[in-house]
């Protein structure tokens, strides 16, 4: 099967014109007819070329638009895959990914916090109010951190703050600042209820396992809950014991080498 000649008519008109040019003694009428046929073919070719160019431009614009929408959709899907739908902070999987990334090249301080008696808030005031408390908590975290670290939600009312290249003392002070921001300023969604949170802090050296770091911070958080809530406790296994009292008027860090 031979290929279709897209310019068959134009080729025929061109060949006819060549025949007239090379013909000895071609009459004026023959030359005029050949030129007229060639002009008509050229006009038809120009018209079709413009139509094809316009169609190509439209297709290119459509493809560019579709490509832009595809990039937007890809970005949105990537964002949704890594962020918590309710609060907009990193989800559990993204927290672990980011932490493991940091630990390859740097030390990492980790803050784990949990809202005290959150189930009671949901039971007494309803889940919509509980959701509002979670969103407002994130705003308090962002206000306290002022661009430092990365916030993640790892459970219902449990959040983390990743602090790469921060030492334990810095992390403890930051945790205490957050604790005060939560405890000392009423939540607009629950203005008559004293909302507090408990904190566990751990510190890990480069190339440490994040699950271990998270587990140690979680143990410290459990200790804060056990010791009365609304307080910061530091992981003891790294060789330092730090306890911050929630009622201190100023941030105080008592560190004892053990």
Protein backbone atom coordinates (compact mmCIF):
# COMPACT_ATOMS: atom_id res chain seq x y z
CA UNK A 1 0.00 0.00 0.00
CA UNK A 2 1.54 3.27 -1.13
CA UNK A 3 1.69 6.33 1.11
CA UNK A 4 -0.91 9.02 0.47
CA UNK A 5 0.53 12.13 -1.20
CA UNK A 6 -0.87 15.06 0.78
CA UNK A 7 0.18 17.46 -1.98
CA UNK A 8 -0.99 15.41 -4.97
CA UNK A 9 -3.02 18.21 -6.58
CA UNK A 10 -0.29 20.79 -6.04
CA UNK A 11 2.35 18.42 -7.39
CA UNK A 12 0.28 17.81 -10.51
CA UNK A 13 -0.17 21.56 -11.09
CA UNK A 14 3.56 22.14 -10.61
CA UNK A 15 4.46 19.34 -13.04
CA UNK A 16 2.00 20.74 -15.57
CA UNK A 17 3.64 24.14 -15.32
CA UNK A 18 7.09 22.55 -15.79
CA UNK A 19 5.80 20.76 -18.90
CA UNK A 20 4.64 24.04 -20.39
CA UNK A 21 7.90 25.79 -19.53
CA UNK A 22 10.00 23.06 -21.14
CA UNK A 23 7.73 22.65 -24.17
CA UNK A 24 9.07 24.20 -27.33
CA UNK A 25 6.62 26.58 -28.90
CA UNK A 26 4.09 26.57 -26.06
CA UNK A 27 1.30 29.00 -26.82
CA UNK A 28 0.31 31.92 -24.66
CA UNK A 29 -2.99 30.25 -23.81
CA UNK A 30 -1.15 27.15 -22.60
CA UNK A 31 1.16 29.25 -20.46
CA UNK A 32 -1.77 31.24 -19.08
CA UNK A 33 -3.73 28.08 -18.26
CA UNK A 34 -0.72 26.51 -16.54
CA UNK A 35 -0.07 29.67 -14.52
CA UNK A 36 -3.77 29.94 -13.59
CA UNK A 37 -3.82 26.31 -12.43
CA UNK A 38 -0.60 26.81 -10.49
CA UNK A 39 -1.94 29.96 -8.82
CA UNK A 40 -5.17 28.22 -7.80
CA UNK A 41 -3.23 25.28 -6.37
CA UNK A 42 -0.93 27.63 -4.46
CA UNK A 43 -3.95 29.55 -3.10
CA UNK A 44 -5.58 26.30 -2.00
CA UNK A 45 -2.31 25.21 -0.38
CA UNK A 46 -1.99 28.51 1.52
CA UNK A 47 -5.60 28.28 2.72
CA UNK A 48 -5.13 24.72 3.98
CA UNK A 49 -1.79 25.62 5.55
CA UNK A 50 -3.39 28.50 7.50
CA UNK A 51 -6.20 26.20 8.59
CA UNK A 52 -3.76 23.54 9.75
CA UNK A 53 -1.60 26.11 11.58
CA UNK A 54 -4.67 27.55 13.34
CA UNK A 55 -5.80 24.05 14.28
CA UNK A 56 -2.29 23.21 15.50
CA UNK A 57 -2.19 26.38 17.60
CA UNK A 58 -5.53 25.48 19.19
CA UNK A 59 -4.34 21.96 19.91
CA UNK A 60 -1.09 23.28 21.37
CA UNK A 61 -3.05 25.68 23.60
CA UNK A 62 -5.36 22.84 24.67
CA UNK A 63 -2.37 20.60 25.42
CA UNK A 64 -0.65 23.37 27.39
CA UNK A 65 -3.85 23.95 29.38
CA UNK A 66 -4.25 20.23 30.04
CA UNK A 67 -0.59 19.96 31.04
CA UNK A 68 -0.96 22.87 33.46
CA UNK A 69 -4.08 21.30 34.97
CA UNK A 70 -2.28 17.96 35.22
CA UNK A 71 0.63 19.60 37.05
CA UNK A 72 -1.84 21.33 39.40
CA UNK A 73 -3.64 18.04 40.05
CA UNK A 74 -0.34 16.25 40.66
CA UNK A 75 0.69 18.94 43.15
CA UNK A 76 -2.70 18.80 44.88
CA UNK A 77 -2.58 15.00 45.11
CA UNK A 78 0.98 15.12 46.44
CA UNK A 79 -0.05 17.74 49.02
CA UNK A 80 -3.09 15.71 50.10
CA UNK A 81 -0.99 12.56 50.32
CA UNK A 82 1.41 14.27 52.74
CA UNK A 83 -0.87 16.55 54.76
CA UNK A 84 -3.65 16.12 57.27
CA UNK A 85 -7.03 17.04 55.79
CA UNK A 86 -8.35 18.71 58.94
CA UNK A 87 -5.41 20.81 60.10
CA UNK A 88 -3.20 21.13 57.01
CA UNK A 89 -0.02 20.01 58.81
CA UNK A 90 2.07 16.98 57.84
CA UNK A 91 0.38 13.61 58.30
CA UNK A 92 1.96 10.68 60.11
CA UNK A 93 3.62 9.18 57.04
CA UNK A 94 5.10 12.52 55.99
CA UNK A 95 6.38 13.15 59.52
CA UNK A 96 8.29 9.89 59.49
CA UNK A 97 9.64 10.55 55.98
CA UNK A 98 10.84 14.06 56.85
CA UNK A 99 12.37 12.92 60.14
CA UNK A 100 14.28 10.06 58.48
CA UNK A 101 15.49 12.53 55.85
CA UNK A 102 16.78 14.92 58.53
CA UNK A 103 18.49 12.20 60.53
CA UNK A 104 20.64 11.21 57.56
CA UNK A 105 22.59 14.46 57.83
CA UNK A 106 21.71 16.17 61.12
CA UNK A 107 20.66 15.77 64.71
CA UNK A 108 16.97 15.96 65.50
CA UNK A 109 15.02 17.13 68.51
CA UNK A 110 11.44 15.87 68.60
CA UNK A 111 8.47 17.27 70.50
CA UNK A 112 5.38 15.11 70.89
CA UNK A 113 2.29 16.74 72.40
CA UNK A 114 -1.17 15.52 73.21
CA UNK A 115 -4.24 17.57 74.21
CA UNK A 116 -5.30 16.75 77.76
CA UNK A 117 -8.76 15.20 78.18
CA UNK A 118 -9.57 15.66 74.51
CA UNK A 119 -12.11 12.81 74.53
CA UNK A 120 -14.04 14.75 77.18
CA UNK A 121 -14.12 17.78 74.86
CA UNK A 122 -15.54 15.67 72.03
CA UNK A 123 -18.06 13.96 74.30
CA UNK A 124 -19.31 17.14 75.99
CA UNK A 125 -19.15 19.65 73.13
CA UNK A 126 -19.27 17.48 70.00
CA UNK A 127 -16.77 16.54 67.32
CA UNK A 128 -17.16 19.80 65.31
CA UNK A 129 -15.98 21.71 68.39
CA UNK A 130 -13.19 19.18 68.85
CA UNK A 131 -12.12 19.74 65.24
CA UNK A 132 -12.09 23.50 65.84
CA UNK A 133 -9.86 22.98 68.88
CA UNK A 134 -7.42 20.94 66.78
CA UNK A 135 -7.27 23.61 64.08
CA UNK A 136 -6.78 26.35 66.66
CA UNK A 137 -4.08 24.30 68.36
CA UNK A 138 -2.16 24.22 65.07
CA UNK A 139 -2.41 28.00 64.84
CA UNK A 140 -0.99 28.27 68.36
CA UNK A 141 1.84 25.93 67.38
CA UNK A 142 2.66 28.02 64.31
CA UNK A 143 2.53 31.21 66.37
CA UNK A 144 4.91 29.81 68.98
CA UNK A 145 7.33 28.29 66.47
CA UNK A 146 7.40 31.37 64.21
CA UNK A 147 8.67 29.41 61.22
CA UNK A 148 10.98 27.06 63.14
CA UNK A 149 10.63 23.31 62.64
CA UNK A 150 7.88 21.29 60.99
CA UNK A 151 4.52 20.39 62.52
CA UNK A 152 2.77 17.06 62.02
CA UNK A 153 -0.36 15.31 63.23
CA UNK A 154 0.38 11.70 64.10
CA UNK A 155 -2.88 10.74 65.81
CA UNK A 156 -6.30 12.06 66.76
CA UNK A 157 -5.14 14.77 69.17
CA UNK A 158 -1.42 14.00 69.08
CA UNK A 159 1.00 16.28 67.23
CA UNK A 160 4.75 16.43 66.66
CA UNK A 161 7.28 19.16 66.02
CA UNK A 162 10.47 18.25 64.15
CA UNK A 163 13.46 20.42 65.08
CA UNK A 164 16.53 19.47 63.02
CA UNK A 165 19.88 20.79 64.29
CA UNK A 166 18.37 21.82 67.65
CA UNK A 167 19.81 20.58 70.92
CA UNK A 168 17.75 19.21 73.79
CA UNK A 169 17.79 22.43 75.82
CA UNK A 170 16.47 24.45 72.88
CA UNK A 171 13.75 21.87 72.24
CA UNK A 172 12.66 21.89 75.88
CA UNK A 173 12.41 25.69 75.93
CA UNK A 174 10.41 25.64 72.69
CA UNK A 175 8.09 22.96 74.11
CA UNK A 176 7.54 25.03 77.25
CA UNK A 177 6.77 28.12 75.14
CA UNK A 178 4.17 26.11 73.23
CA UNK A 179 2.72 24.73 76.44
CA UNK A 180 2.26 28.25 77.80
CA UNK A 181 0.72 29.46 74.53
CA UNK A 182 -1.88 26.69 74.79
CA UNK A 183 -2.55 26.87 78.52
CA UNK A 184 -2.44 30.63 79.07
CA UNK A 185 -4.55 31.80 76.12
CA UNK A 186 -8.16 30.66 75.86
CA UNK A 187 -9.35 28.87 72.71
CA UNK A 188 -11.97 30.89 70.85
CA UNK A 189 -13.88 27.67 70.15
CA UNK A 190 -14.00 26.88 73.91
CA UNK A 191 -13.60 30.25 75.67
CA UNK A 192 -14.82 28.98 79.04
CA UNK A 193 -12.79 25.75 79.09
CA UNK A 194 -9.14 25.57 80.14
CA UNK A 195 -7.50 23.57 77.33
CA UNK A 196 -4.01 22.23 78.08
CA UNK A 197 -1.54 19.80 76.53
CA UNK A 198 1.19 17.47 77.74
CA UNK A 199 4.61 17.21 76.10
CA UNK A 200 7.37 14.66 75.60
CA UNK A 201 10.75 15.64 74.16
CA UNK A 202 13.58 13.49 72.80
CA UNK A 203 16.89 14.22 71.10
CA UNK A 204 18.65 12.00 68.55
CA UNK A 205 22.07 12.06 66.95
CA UNK A 206 22.70 11.77 63.21
CA UNK A 207 21.82 8.37 61.67
CA UNK A 208 19.63 7.37 64.61
CA UNK A 209 16.41 5.49 63.98
CA UNK A 210 13.39 7.80 64.04
CA UNK A 211 11.01 5.17 65.36
CA UNK A 212 13.28 4.90 68.38
CA UNK A 213 13.34 8.70 68.75
CA UNK A 214 9.55 8.81 68.49
CA UNK A 215 9.17 5.99 70.98
CA UNK A 216 11.39 7.78 73.53
CA UNK A 217 9.45 11.03 73.11
CA UNK A 218 6.21 9.09 73.50
CA UNK A 219 7.47 7.57 76.78
CA UNK A 220 8.29 11.08 78.00
CA UNK A 221 4.78 12.19 76.97
CA UNK A 222 3.26 9.33 78.95
CA UNK A 223 5.31 10.45 81.94
CA UNK A 224 3.96 13.98 81.57
CA UNK A 225 0.42 12.57 81.57
CA UNK A 226 1.16 10.39 84.58
CA UNK A 227 2.71 13.29 86.52
CA UNK A 228 -0.34 15.51 86.26
CA UNK A 229 -0.56 16.71 82.63
CA UNK A 230 0.03 20.24 81.31
CA UNK A 231 3.78 19.79 81.60
CA UNK A 232 6.93 19.03 79.60
CA UNK A 233 9.01 15.90 80.21
CA UNK A 234 12.31 15.01 78.55
CA UNK A 235 13.48 11.55 77.51
CA UNK A 236 15.88 10.25 80.17
CA UNK A 237 17.69 7.65 78.08
CA UNK A 238 20.02 10.20 76.43
CA UNK A 239 21.74 10.95 79.73
CA UNK A 240 19.86 14.06 80.82
CA UNK A 241 16.91 14.49 83.16
CA UNK A 242 14.81 17.60 82.61
CA UNK A 243 11.55 18.49 84.29
CA UNK A 244 9.63 21.71 83.69
CA UNK A 245 6.88 22.66 86.09
CA UNK A 246 3.71 24.00 84.38
CA UNK A 247 3.14 26.65 87.05
CA UNK A 248 6.56 28.32 86.73
CA UNK A 249 6.21 32.04 86.09
CA UNK A 250 9.26 32.02 83.82
CA UNK A 251 10.72 29.32 81.57
CA UNK A 252 13.15 27.35 83.66
CA UNK A 253 15.22 24.37 82.58
CA UNK A 254 16.80 22.18 85.24
CA UNK A 255 19.27 19.76 83.63
CA UNK A 256 21.14 17.16 85.68
CA UNK A 257 23.73 14.85 84.15
CA UNK A 258 23.12 11.27 85.20
